[in-house]
Protein backbone atom coordinates (compact mmCIF):
# COMPACT_ATOMS: atom_id res chain seq x y z
CA UNK A 1 -0.10 17.21 -7.92
CA UNK A 2 1.56 15.53 -4.93
CA UNK A 3 0.13 13.68 -1.93
CA UNK A 4 1.77 14.55 1.39
CA UNK A 5 0.48 12.46 4.29
CA UNK A 6 0.00 13.99 7.74
CA UNK A 7 0.92 12.51 11.11
CA UNK A 8 1.50 8.77 11.11
CA UNK A 9 -0.05 8.15 7.70
CA UNK A 10 1.58 6.49 4.69
CA UNK A 11 0.64 6.70 0.99
CA UNK A 12 0.83 3.34 -0.80
CA UNK A 13 0.62 2.36 -4.46
CA UNK A 14 -0.85 -1.10 -4.80
CA UNK A 15 1.20 -3.63 -6.76
CA UNK A 16 -0.35 -5.43 -9.73
CA UNK A 17 -2.37 -8.58 -9.03
CA UNK A 18 -0.97 -11.89 -10.19
CA UNK A 19 -2.57 -13.13 -13.41
CA UNK A 20 -1.47 -16.75 -13.01
CA UNK A 21 -1.08 -19.08 -10.06
CA UNK A 22 2.21 -20.81 -9.23
CA UNK A 23 0.89 -23.95 -10.92
CA UNK A 24 0.23 -22.02 -14.15
CA UNK A 25 -3.54 -21.53 -13.95
CA UNK A 26 -4.59 -18.24 -15.58
CA UNK A 27 -6.90 -16.17 -13.37
CA UNK A 28 -9.72 -14.07 -14.80
CA UNK A 29 -10.20 -10.51 -13.59
CA UNK A 30 -13.25 -11.56 -11.56
CA UNK A 31 -11.32 -14.19 -9.57
CA UNK A 32 -8.26 -12.05 -8.90
CA UNK A 33 -8.14 -10.77 -5.36
CA UNK A 34 -6.61 -7.36 -4.71
CA UNK A 35 -3.09 -7.89 -3.46
CA UNK A 36 -2.24 -6.66 0.02
CA UNK A 37 1.26 -5.79 -1.14
CA UNK A 38 2.13 -2.21 -2.04
CA UNK A 39 5.00 0.20 -2.53
CA UNK A 40 5.45 3.15 -0.16
CA UNK A 41 5.10 6.41 -2.12
CA UNK A 42 5.13 8.96 0.71
CA UNK A 43 5.53 8.93 4.50
CA UNK A 44 4.17 11.41 7.03
CA UNK A 45 6.39 13.05 9.67
CA UNK A 46 5.07 10.85 12.50
CA UNK A 47 3.78 12.06 15.85
CA UNK A 48 5.21 12.48 19.32
CA UNK A 49 4.06 8.94 20.13
CA UNK A 50 4.75 7.29 16.74
CA UNK A 51 8.17 7.07 15.06
CA UNK A 52 7.89 6.28 11.36
CA UNK A 53 9.48 2.91 10.57
CA UNK A 54 8.90 2.74 6.80
CA UNK A 55 10.48 4.77 4.04
CA UNK A 56 9.69 5.66 0.44
CA UNK A 57 10.38 2.84 -2.00
CA UNK A 58 9.91 -0.04 0.42
CA UNK A 59 7.46 -2.83 -0.41
CA UNK A 60 5.04 -3.58 2.40
CA UNK A 61 2.10 -5.82 3.28
CA UNK A 62 -0.89 -4.04 4.82
CA UNK A 63 -4.15 -5.08 6.50
CA UNK A 64 -6.84 -6.26 4.10
CA UNK A 65 -9.49 -3.64 4.92
CA UNK A 66 -7.15 -0.81 5.91
CA UNK A 67 -6.95 2.68 4.53
CA UNK A 68 -8.73 5.02 2.21
CA UNK A 69 -8.50 4.63 -1.56
CA UNK A 70 -7.75 7.85 -3.45
CA UNK A 71 -7.58 8.44 -7.21
CA UNK A 72 -5.30 11.28 -8.28
CA UNK A 73 -4.35 12.05 -11.90
CA UNK A 74 -5.42 8.57 -13.13
CA UNK A 75 -3.34 6.84 -10.43
CA UNK A 76 -4.86 4.97 -7.50
CA UNK A 77 -3.33 5.23 -4.03
CA UNK A 78 -4.18 3.96 -0.57
CA UNK A 79 -3.62 6.11 2.51
CA UNK A 80 -3.12 4.03 5.66
CA UNK A 81 -1.96 4.58 9.22
CA UNK A 82 1.47 3.12 9.89
CA UNK A 83 0.03 0.58 12.34
CA UNK A 84 -2.04 -0.91 9.45
CA UNK A 85 1.25 -1.96 7.80
CA UNK A 86 2.00 -5.52 8.88
CA UNK A 87 5.45 -6.17 7.38
CA UNK A 88 8.19 -4.91 5.09
CA UNK A 89 9.01 -7.21 2.15
CA UNK A 90 12.73 -7.53 1.43
């Protein structure tokens, strides 16, 4: 099955949370915060007013409470509007 976003929506796959801090402290699952960094899996066609600025394969940072979480074939995805994407990570 394949997710195809409509309009100015983007499908993201969340990247794995860090298990240790930069100083080497191991984090338990309860203290790990969901990362706001994700990989773009699919991009909608855009709208007359919105030109799509991201493409499949890019890593992005998105707003903390943005989007709708969807589980499809044991994979979790987040569908967000393009304006909920804050930056592209290069």
